[in-house]
Amino acid sequence: MTIRVANEMETDYILRLTGHVIEESTRSHSTNDPYGGYNMFLPLIRNGAYYLIEEESGWLKGWALIGLDRSSMTGKNIGNVFHLYVFPGYRNFGIGKNLIKAGIQNLSALGVETIQLNVFTGNPAKSLYEKLGFRSISTFMELNVGKS
């Protein structure tokens, strides 16, 4: 198993794939859209974020999009895990954990003292994040007042 930074071609491939897993990743708060990955994540990549991938013998198993962000609360630069995805057939083998740990190391090497992420309610990855030391600092809530 190898974790490394995705090259340009792999990044484009992941952006295309992301459009097909948005619904799962957001716990149905967004629908799959072929351009969804580009719309959501290309601006972050243009601002320096990048994908870490885990692959073996050319088979992509999962990815984490990491980068720097500015905290709206403190005004300081922070690290951010913008997206984590592991293909269903490779889950529960530590791939997500390895990707997050590699992301933490990369972001820490950039000098950030805080790393944040957003996880949707009901996402099973939340327990992984908690095991790695992430803690809840906010609750994002919504009220649907439109047509169902």
N, C-alpha and C. Protein backbone atom coordinates (compact mmCIF):
# COMPACT_ATOMS: atom_id res chain seq x y z
N MET A 1 0.84 -1.18 0.00
CA MET A 1 0.00 0.00 0.00
C MET A 1 0.88 1.24 0.00
N THR A 2 0.46 2.20 -0.80
CA THR A 2 1.22 3.43 -0.91
C THR A 2 0.30 4.62 -0.77
N ILE A 3 0.67 5.56 0.09
CA ILE A 3 -0.04 6.83 0.17
C ILE A 3 0.89 7.88 -0.41
N ARG A 4 0.35 8.66 -1.34
CA ARG A 4 1.13 9.70 -1.98
C ARG A 4 0.20 10.78 -2.49
N VAL A 5 0.80 11.89 -2.93
CA VAL A 5 0.04 12.98 -3.51
C VAL A 5 -0.38 12.58 -4.93
N ALA A 6 -1.63 12.83 -5.26
CA ALA A 6 -2.15 12.50 -6.59
C ALA A 6 -1.54 13.45 -7.62
N ASN A 7 -1.24 12.91 -8.79
CA ASN A 7 -0.76 13.77 -9.87
C ASN A 7 -1.96 14.45 -10.54
N GLU A 8 -1.70 15.27 -11.55
CA GLU A 8 -2.76 16.04 -12.19
C GLU A 8 -3.82 15.15 -12.84
N MET A 9 -3.39 14.10 -13.51
CA MET A 9 -4.33 13.20 -14.16
C MET A 9 -5.19 12.47 -13.12
N GLU A 10 -4.58 12.02 -12.03
CA GLU A 10 -5.31 11.34 -10.97
C GLU A 10 -6.28 12.30 -10.29
N THR A 11 -5.86 13.55 -10.11
CA THR A 11 -6.74 14.55 -9.51
C THR A 11 -7.98 14.75 -10.36
N ASP A 12 -7.80 14.85 -11.67
CA ASP A 12 -8.95 15.00 -12.56
C ASP A 12 -9.87 13.78 -12.47
N TYR A 13 -9.28 12.60 -12.42
CA TYR A 13 -10.06 11.36 -12.30
C TYR A 13 -10.87 11.36 -11.01
N ILE A 14 -10.26 11.76 -9.91
CA ILE A 14 -10.95 11.79 -8.61
C ILE A 14 -12.07 12.82 -8.63
N LEU A 15 -11.83 13.96 -9.23
CA LEU A 15 -12.88 14.98 -9.33
C LEU A 15 -14.09 14.43 -10.09
N ARG A 16 -13.83 13.66 -11.15
CA ARG A 16 -14.93 13.04 -11.90
C ARG A 16 -15.65 11.99 -11.05
N LEU A 17 -14.89 11.17 -10.34
CA LEU A 17 -15.49 10.14 -9.48
C LEU A 17 -16.31 10.76 -8.35
N THR A 18 -15.83 11.85 -7.82
CA THR A 18 -16.49 12.49 -6.68
C THR A 18 -17.94 12.83 -7.01
N GLY A 19 -18.19 13.21 -8.25
CA GLY A 19 -19.56 13.51 -8.64
C GLY A 19 -20.51 12.34 -8.48
N HIS A 20 -19.97 11.14 -8.46
CA HIS A 20 -20.78 9.94 -8.35
C HIS A 20 -20.90 9.42 -6.92
N VAL A 21 -20.21 10.05 -5.98
CA VAL A 21 -20.27 9.60 -4.58
C VAL A 21 -20.72 10.70 -3.63
N ILE A 22 -21.13 11.84 -4.19
CA ILE A 22 -21.53 12.97 -3.35
C ILE A 22 -22.71 12.61 -2.45
N GLU A 23 -23.68 11.91 -3.00
CA GLU A 23 -24.86 11.57 -2.21
C GLU A 23 -24.47 10.73 -0.99
N GLU A 24 -23.61 9.75 -1.20
CA GLU A 24 -23.15 8.92 -0.08
C GLU A 24 -22.32 9.75 0.90
N SER A 25 -21.41 10.54 0.38
CA SER A 25 -20.51 11.33 1.23
C SER A 25 -21.24 12.36 2.08
N THR A 26 -22.34 12.89 1.55
CA THR A 26 -23.08 13.93 2.27
C THR A 26 -24.31 13.38 2.99
N ARG A 27 -24.43 12.06 3.01
CA ARG A 27 -25.58 11.41 3.66
C ARG A 27 -26.88 11.93 3.06
N SER A 28 -26.91 12.03 1.73
CA SER A 28 -28.07 12.43 0.93
C SER A 28 -28.45 13.91 1.06
N HIS A 29 -27.56 14.74 1.56
CA HIS A 29 -27.82 16.18 1.59
C HIS A 29 -27.56 16.81 0.23
N SER A 30 -26.84 16.12 -0.63
CA SER A 30 -26.61 16.53 -2.01
C SER A 30 -26.85 15.31 -2.89
N THR A 31 -27.16 15.56 -4.13
CA THR A 31 -27.37 14.45 -5.06
C THR A 31 -26.15 14.29 -5.95
N ASN A 32 -25.97 13.10 -6.45
CA ASN A 32 -24.87 12.84 -7.37
C ASN A 32 -25.04 13.71 -8.61
N ASP A 33 -23.92 14.22 -9.09
CA ASP A 33 -23.91 15.14 -10.22
C ASP A 33 -22.55 14.97 -10.89
N PRO A 34 -22.52 14.69 -12.20
CA PRO A 34 -21.24 14.46 -12.87
C PRO A 34 -20.23 15.59 -12.70
N TYR A 35 -20.72 16.81 -12.46
CA TYR A 35 -19.82 17.95 -12.29
C TYR A 35 -19.67 18.35 -10.83
N GLY A 36 -20.29 17.60 -9.94
CA GLY A 36 -20.30 17.94 -8.52
C GLY A 36 -18.93 18.04 -7.91
N GLY A 37 -18.04 17.11 -8.25
CA GLY A 37 -16.68 17.15 -7.71
C GLY A 37 -15.94 18.40 -8.14
N TYR A 38 -16.11 18.75 -9.40
CA TYR A 38 -15.47 19.97 -9.91
C TYR A 38 -16.03 21.20 -9.21
N ASN A 39 -17.35 21.26 -9.10
CA ASN A 39 -17.98 22.43 -8.48
C ASN A 39 -17.59 22.59 -7.02
N MET A 40 -17.51 21.48 -6.30
CA MET A 40 -17.23 21.53 -4.87
C MET A 40 -15.75 21.69 -4.56
N PHE A 41 -14.90 20.99 -5.30
CA PHE A 41 -13.52 20.87 -4.86
C PHE A 41 -12.46 21.53 -5.75
N LEU A 42 -12.78 21.81 -7.00
CA LEU A 42 -11.79 22.45 -7.86
C LEU A 42 -11.34 23.81 -7.33
N PRO A 43 -12.25 24.64 -6.80
CA PRO A 43 -11.78 25.90 -6.21
C PRO A 43 -10.77 25.70 -5.08
N LEU A 44 -10.96 24.65 -4.28
CA LEU A 44 -10.01 24.36 -3.20
C LEU A 44 -8.66 23.94 -3.76
N ILE A 45 -8.68 23.12 -4.80
CA ILE A 45 -7.44 22.67 -5.43
C ILE A 45 -6.70 23.85 -6.04
N ARG A 46 -7.43 24.74 -6.66
CA ARG A 46 -6.81 25.95 -7.23
C ARG A 46 -6.19 26.82 -6.16
N ASN A 47 -6.66 26.68 -4.91
CA ASN A 47 -6.10 27.42 -3.79
C ASN A 47 -5.06 26.62 -3.02
N GLY A 48 -4.58 25.50 -3.59
CA GLY A 48 -3.48 24.78 -2.98
C GLY A 48 -3.82 23.45 -2.33
N ALA A 49 -5.10 23.12 -2.20
CA ALA A 49 -5.45 21.81 -1.64
C ALA A 49 -5.03 20.72 -2.61
N TYR A 50 -4.85 19.53 -2.09
CA TYR A 50 -4.43 18.41 -2.93
C TYR A 50 -4.94 17.11 -2.35
N TYR A 51 -5.00 16.11 -3.24
CA TYR A 51 -5.45 14.79 -2.84
C TYR A 51 -4.27 13.93 -2.42
N LEU A 52 -4.42 13.26 -1.31
CA LEU A 52 -3.58 12.14 -0.95
C LEU A 52 -4.35 10.90 -1.37
N ILE A 53 -3.68 9.98 -2.00
CA ILE A 53 -4.37 8.77 -2.44
C ILE A 53 -3.68 7.55 -1.85
N GLU A 54 -4.46 6.52 -1.67
CA GLU A 54 -3.90 5.21 -1.34
C GLU A 54 -4.20 4.32 -2.52
N GLU A 55 -3.14 3.75 -3.04
CA GLU A 55 -3.29 2.85 -4.18
C GLU A 55 -2.30 1.71 -4.04
N GLU A 56 -2.64 0.64 -4.72
CA GLU A 56 -1.77 -0.53 -4.72
C GLU A 56 -1.82 -1.13 -6.11
N SER A 57 -0.66 -1.27 -6.70
CA SER A 57 -0.54 -1.83 -8.06
C SER A 57 -1.45 -1.12 -9.05
N GLY A 58 -1.54 0.20 -8.90
CA GLY A 58 -2.33 1.00 -9.83
C GLY A 58 -3.81 1.06 -9.51
N TRP A 59 -4.27 0.38 -8.45
CA TRP A 59 -5.68 0.40 -8.08
C TRP A 59 -5.91 1.44 -7.00
N LEU A 60 -6.72 2.44 -7.31
CA LEU A 60 -7.08 3.47 -6.36
C LEU A 60 -8.04 2.90 -5.33
N LYS A 61 -7.69 3.06 -4.05
CA LYS A 61 -8.52 2.53 -2.97
C LYS A 61 -9.28 3.63 -2.24
N GLY A 62 -8.71 4.82 -2.21
CA GLY A 62 -9.36 5.93 -1.53
C GLY A 62 -8.54 7.18 -1.61
N TRP A 63 -9.13 8.28 -1.13
CA TRP A 63 -8.44 9.57 -1.19
C TRP A 63 -8.87 10.46 -0.03
N ALA A 64 -8.03 11.42 0.25
CA ALA A 64 -8.34 12.49 1.20
C ALA A 64 -7.91 13.80 0.55
N LEU A 65 -8.78 14.77 0.54
CA LEU A 65 -8.46 16.10 0.03
C LEU A 65 -8.09 16.96 1.22
N ILE A 66 -6.86 17.45 1.23
CA ILE A 66 -6.39 18.25 2.36
C ILE A 66 -5.85 19.58 1.85
N GLY A 67 -5.83 20.54 2.74
CA GLY A 67 -5.28 21.84 2.37
C GLY A 67 -5.35 22.80 3.54
N LEU A 68 -4.94 24.01 3.26
CA LEU A 68 -4.98 25.06 4.26
C LEU A 68 -6.25 25.87 4.10
N ASP A 69 -6.69 26.42 5.21
CA ASP A 69 -7.89 27.25 5.24
C ASP A 69 -7.64 28.32 6.29
N ARG A 70 -8.50 29.30 6.34
CA ARG A 70 -8.39 30.33 7.37
C ARG A 70 -9.59 30.20 8.29
N SER A 71 -9.32 30.13 9.57
CA SER A 71 -10.39 30.02 10.56
C SER A 71 -11.17 31.33 10.61
N SER A 72 -12.47 31.23 10.46
CA SER A 72 -13.31 32.43 10.56
C SER A 72 -13.40 32.91 12.01
N MET A 73 -13.09 32.04 12.95
CA MET A 73 -13.18 32.42 14.37
C MET A 73 -11.90 33.09 14.85
N THR A 74 -10.73 32.57 14.43
CA THR A 74 -9.47 33.09 14.95
C THR A 74 -8.68 33.89 13.93
N GLY A 75 -9.00 33.74 12.66
CA GLY A 75 -8.23 34.41 11.61
C GLY A 75 -6.90 33.74 11.32
N LYS A 76 -6.62 32.62 11.98
CA LYS A 76 -5.36 31.91 11.78
C LYS A 76 -5.50 30.86 10.68
N ASN A 77 -4.37 30.53 10.06
CA ASN A 77 -4.36 29.42 9.10
C ASN A 77 -4.55 28.11 9.86
N ILE A 78 -5.39 27.27 9.31
CA ILE A 78 -5.61 25.95 9.88
C ILE A 78 -5.52 24.93 8.76
N GLY A 79 -5.30 23.69 9.14
CA GLY A 79 -5.37 22.61 8.17
C GLY A 79 -6.81 22.16 8.06
N ASN A 80 -7.15 21.60 6.92
CA ASN A 80 -8.50 21.12 6.74
C ASN A 80 -8.50 19.83 5.94
N VAL A 81 -9.29 18.88 6.39
CA VAL A 81 -9.57 17.68 5.62
C VAL A 81 -10.92 17.97 4.96
N PHE A 82 -10.89 18.26 3.68
CA PHE A 82 -12.09 18.67 2.97
C PHE A 82 -12.95 17.49 2.53
N HIS A 83 -12.32 16.34 2.29
CA HIS A 83 -13.09 15.19 1.82
C HIS A 83 -12.27 13.92 2.04
N LEU A 84 -12.93 12.88 2.46
CA LEU A 84 -12.33 11.56 2.60
C LEU A 84 -13.28 10.57 1.96
N TYR A 85 -12.72 9.69 1.14
CA TYR A 85 -13.55 8.64 0.54
C TYR A 85 -12.71 7.39 0.35
N VAL A 86 -13.28 6.27 0.76
CA VAL A 86 -12.67 4.96 0.53
C VAL A 86 -13.73 4.12 -0.18
N PHE A 87 -13.32 3.48 -1.26
CA PHE A 87 -14.25 2.64 -2.01
C PHE A 87 -14.79 1.52 -1.11
N PRO A 88 -16.08 1.19 -1.25
CA PRO A 88 -16.71 0.21 -0.36
C PRO A 88 -15.94 -1.10 -0.19
N GLY A 89 -15.36 -1.64 -1.23
CA GLY A 89 -14.64 -2.91 -1.13
C GLY A 89 -13.35 -2.84 -0.33
N TYR A 90 -12.90 -1.62 -0.03
CA TYR A 90 -11.65 -1.45 0.72
C TYR A 90 -11.87 -0.88 2.12
N ARG A 91 -13.11 -0.76 2.53
CA ARG A 91 -13.39 -0.19 3.85
C ARG A 91 -13.09 -1.21 4.94
N ASN A 92 -12.83 -0.68 6.13
CA ASN A 92 -12.53 -1.47 7.33
C ASN A 92 -11.18 -2.19 7.24
N PHE A 93 -10.28 -1.65 6.43
CA PHE A 93 -8.91 -2.17 6.35
C PHE A 93 -7.89 -1.13 6.79
N GLY A 94 -8.35 -0.02 7.38
CA GLY A 94 -7.46 1.02 7.88
C GLY A 94 -7.04 2.05 6.84
N ILE A 95 -7.63 2.01 5.66
CA ILE A 95 -7.24 2.94 4.60
C ILE A 95 -7.62 4.38 4.97
N GLY A 96 -8.84 4.59 5.42
CA GLY A 96 -9.26 5.93 5.84
C GLY A 96 -8.36 6.45 6.95
N LYS A 97 -8.06 5.59 7.91
CA LYS A 97 -7.19 5.97 9.02
C LYS A 97 -5.80 6.35 8.50
N ASN A 98 -5.26 5.56 7.59
CA ASN A 98 -3.94 5.86 7.03
C ASN A 98 -3.94 7.18 6.26
N LEU A 99 -5.00 7.42 5.50
CA LEU A 99 -5.08 8.67 4.74
C LEU A 99 -5.17 9.88 5.68
N ILE A 100 -5.99 9.78 6.71
CA ILE A 100 -6.12 10.90 7.65
C ILE A 100 -4.81 11.13 8.40
N LYS A 101 -4.16 10.05 8.83
CA LYS A 101 -2.87 10.21 9.53
C LYS A 101 -1.83 10.86 8.62
N ALA A 102 -1.79 10.46 7.35
CA ALA A 102 -0.86 11.07 6.41
C ALA A 102 -1.21 12.55 6.21
N GLY A 103 -2.51 12.84 6.14
CA GLY A 103 -2.93 14.24 6.01
C GLY A 103 -2.52 15.06 7.22
N ILE A 104 -2.67 14.50 8.41
CA ILE A 104 -2.27 15.19 9.63
C ILE A 104 -0.76 15.48 9.59
N GLN A 105 0.02 14.49 9.19
CA GLN A 105 1.47 14.69 9.09
C GLN A 105 1.83 15.77 8.09
N ASN A 106 1.20 15.74 6.91
CA ASN A 106 1.48 16.73 5.88
C ASN A 106 1.11 18.13 6.35
N LEU A 107 -0.06 18.27 6.94
CA LEU A 107 -0.51 19.58 7.39
C LEU A 107 0.33 20.07 8.57
N SER A 108 0.69 19.17 9.46
CA SER A 108 1.54 19.54 10.58
C SER A 108 2.91 20.03 10.10
N ALA A 109 3.43 19.39 9.06
CA ALA A 109 4.72 19.81 8.49
C ALA A 109 4.64 21.22 7.90
N LEU A 110 3.44 21.66 7.55
CA LEU A 110 3.26 23.03 7.04
C LEU A 110 3.15 24.05 8.17
N GLY A 111 3.17 23.57 9.40
CA GLY A 111 3.17 24.46 10.55
C GLY A 111 1.82 24.76 11.16
N VAL A 112 0.77 24.10 10.68
CA VAL A 112 -0.54 24.37 11.28
C VAL A 112 -0.62 23.72 12.65
N GLU A 113 -1.36 24.36 13.53
CA GLU A 113 -1.53 23.83 14.87
C GLU A 113 -2.90 23.20 15.06
N THR A 114 -3.82 23.49 14.14
CA THR A 114 -5.19 23.00 14.24
C THR A 114 -5.61 22.45 12.89
N ILE A 115 -6.27 21.31 12.92
CA ILE A 115 -6.82 20.70 11.71
C ILE A 115 -8.30 20.47 11.96
N GLN A 116 -9.11 20.88 11.01
CA GLN A 116 -10.55 20.73 11.15
C GLN A 116 -11.12 19.93 9.98
N LEU A 117 -12.33 19.43 10.18
CA LEU A 117 -13.08 18.76 9.11
C LEU A 117 -14.55 18.87 9.44
N ASN A 118 -15.37 18.63 8.45
CA ASN A 118 -16.82 18.60 8.63
C ASN A 118 -17.30 17.19 8.31
N VAL A 119 -18.13 16.66 9.15
CA VAL A 119 -18.69 15.32 8.92
C VAL A 119 -20.20 15.38 9.10
N PHE A 120 -20.92 14.79 8.16
CA PHE A 120 -22.37 14.79 8.24
C PHE A 120 -22.86 13.81 9.29
N THR A 121 -23.95 14.18 9.96
CA THR A 121 -24.58 13.33 10.95
C THR A 121 -24.88 11.96 10.33
N GLY A 122 -24.52 10.93 11.04
CA GLY A 122 -24.77 9.57 10.56
C GLY A 122 -23.66 8.98 9.72
N ASN A 123 -22.64 9.78 9.41
CA ASN A 123 -21.52 9.26 8.63
C ASN A 123 -20.68 8.36 9.53
N PRO A 124 -20.49 7.09 9.15
CA PRO A 124 -19.72 6.18 10.00
C PRO A 124 -18.26 6.60 10.18
N ALA A 125 -17.75 7.48 9.34
CA ALA A 125 -16.36 7.94 9.49
C ALA A 125 -16.18 8.80 10.74
N LYS A 126 -17.28 9.30 11.31
CA LYS A 126 -17.17 10.14 12.50
C LYS A 126 -16.44 9.42 13.63
N SER A 127 -16.72 8.14 13.82
CA SER A 127 -16.04 7.40 14.89
C SER A 127 -14.54 7.29 14.61
N LEU A 128 -14.15 7.17 13.35
CA LEU A 128 -12.73 7.16 12.99
C LEU A 128 -12.09 8.48 13.38
N TYR A 129 -12.73 9.59 13.04
CA TYR A 129 -12.18 10.90 13.36
C TYR A 129 -12.02 11.07 14.87
N GLU A 130 -13.01 10.62 15.62
CA GLU A 130 -12.93 10.72 17.08
C GLU A 130 -11.79 9.88 17.63
N LYS A 131 -11.60 8.67 17.09
CA LYS A 131 -10.49 7.81 17.53
C LYS A 131 -9.14 8.46 17.25
N LEU A 132 -9.07 9.29 16.22
CA LEU A 132 -7.82 9.97 15.86
C LEU A 132 -7.64 11.28 16.62
N GLY A 133 -8.60 11.61 17.50
CA GLY A 133 -8.45 12.78 18.36
C GLY A 133 -9.27 14.00 17.96
N PHE A 134 -10.01 13.93 16.86
CA PHE A 134 -10.88 15.05 16.51
C PHE A 134 -12.04 15.10 17.50
N ARG A 135 -12.48 16.32 17.80
CA ARG A 135 -13.61 16.48 18.71
C ARG A 135 -14.58 17.49 18.12
N SER A 136 -15.83 17.35 18.48
CA SER A 136 -16.86 18.27 18.00
C SER A 136 -16.65 19.64 18.63
N ILE A 137 -16.73 20.67 17.80
CA ILE A 137 -16.63 22.04 18.30
C ILE A 137 -17.84 22.87 17.90
N SER A 138 -18.70 22.29 17.07
CA SER A 138 -19.85 23.03 16.57
C SER A 138 -20.89 22.03 16.08
N THR A 139 -22.12 22.46 16.01
CA THR A 139 -23.18 21.67 15.40
C THR A 139 -23.81 22.51 14.32
N PHE A 140 -23.83 22.01 13.11
CA PHE A 140 -24.43 22.68 11.98
C PHE A 140 -25.85 22.14 11.84
N MET A 141 -26.83 23.02 11.87
CA MET A 141 -28.22 22.58 11.87
C MET A 141 -28.95 23.18 10.68
N GLU A 142 -30.05 22.52 10.28
CA GLU A 142 -30.86 23.06 9.20
C GLU A 142 -32.33 22.81 9.49
N LEU A 143 -33.15 23.62 8.87
CA LEU A 143 -34.59 23.48 8.94
C LEU A 143 -35.09 23.55 7.51
N ASN A 144 -35.78 22.53 7.06
CA ASN A 144 -36.32 22.50 5.71
C ASN A 144 -37.72 23.09 5.75
N VAL A 145 -37.90 24.28 5.16
CA VAL A 145 -39.20 24.92 5.13
C VAL A 145 -39.80 24.93 3.73
N GLY A 146 -39.10 24.31 2.79
CA GLY A 146 -39.57 24.25 1.41
C GLY A 146 -40.43 23.03 1.19
N LYS A 147 -40.79 22.84 -0.07
CA LYS A 147 -41.60 21.70 -0.45
C LYS A 147 -40.78 20.42 -0.34
N SER A 148 -41.42 19.34 0.04
CA SER A 148 -40.72 18.05 0.18
C SER A 148 -40.71 17.31 -1.12
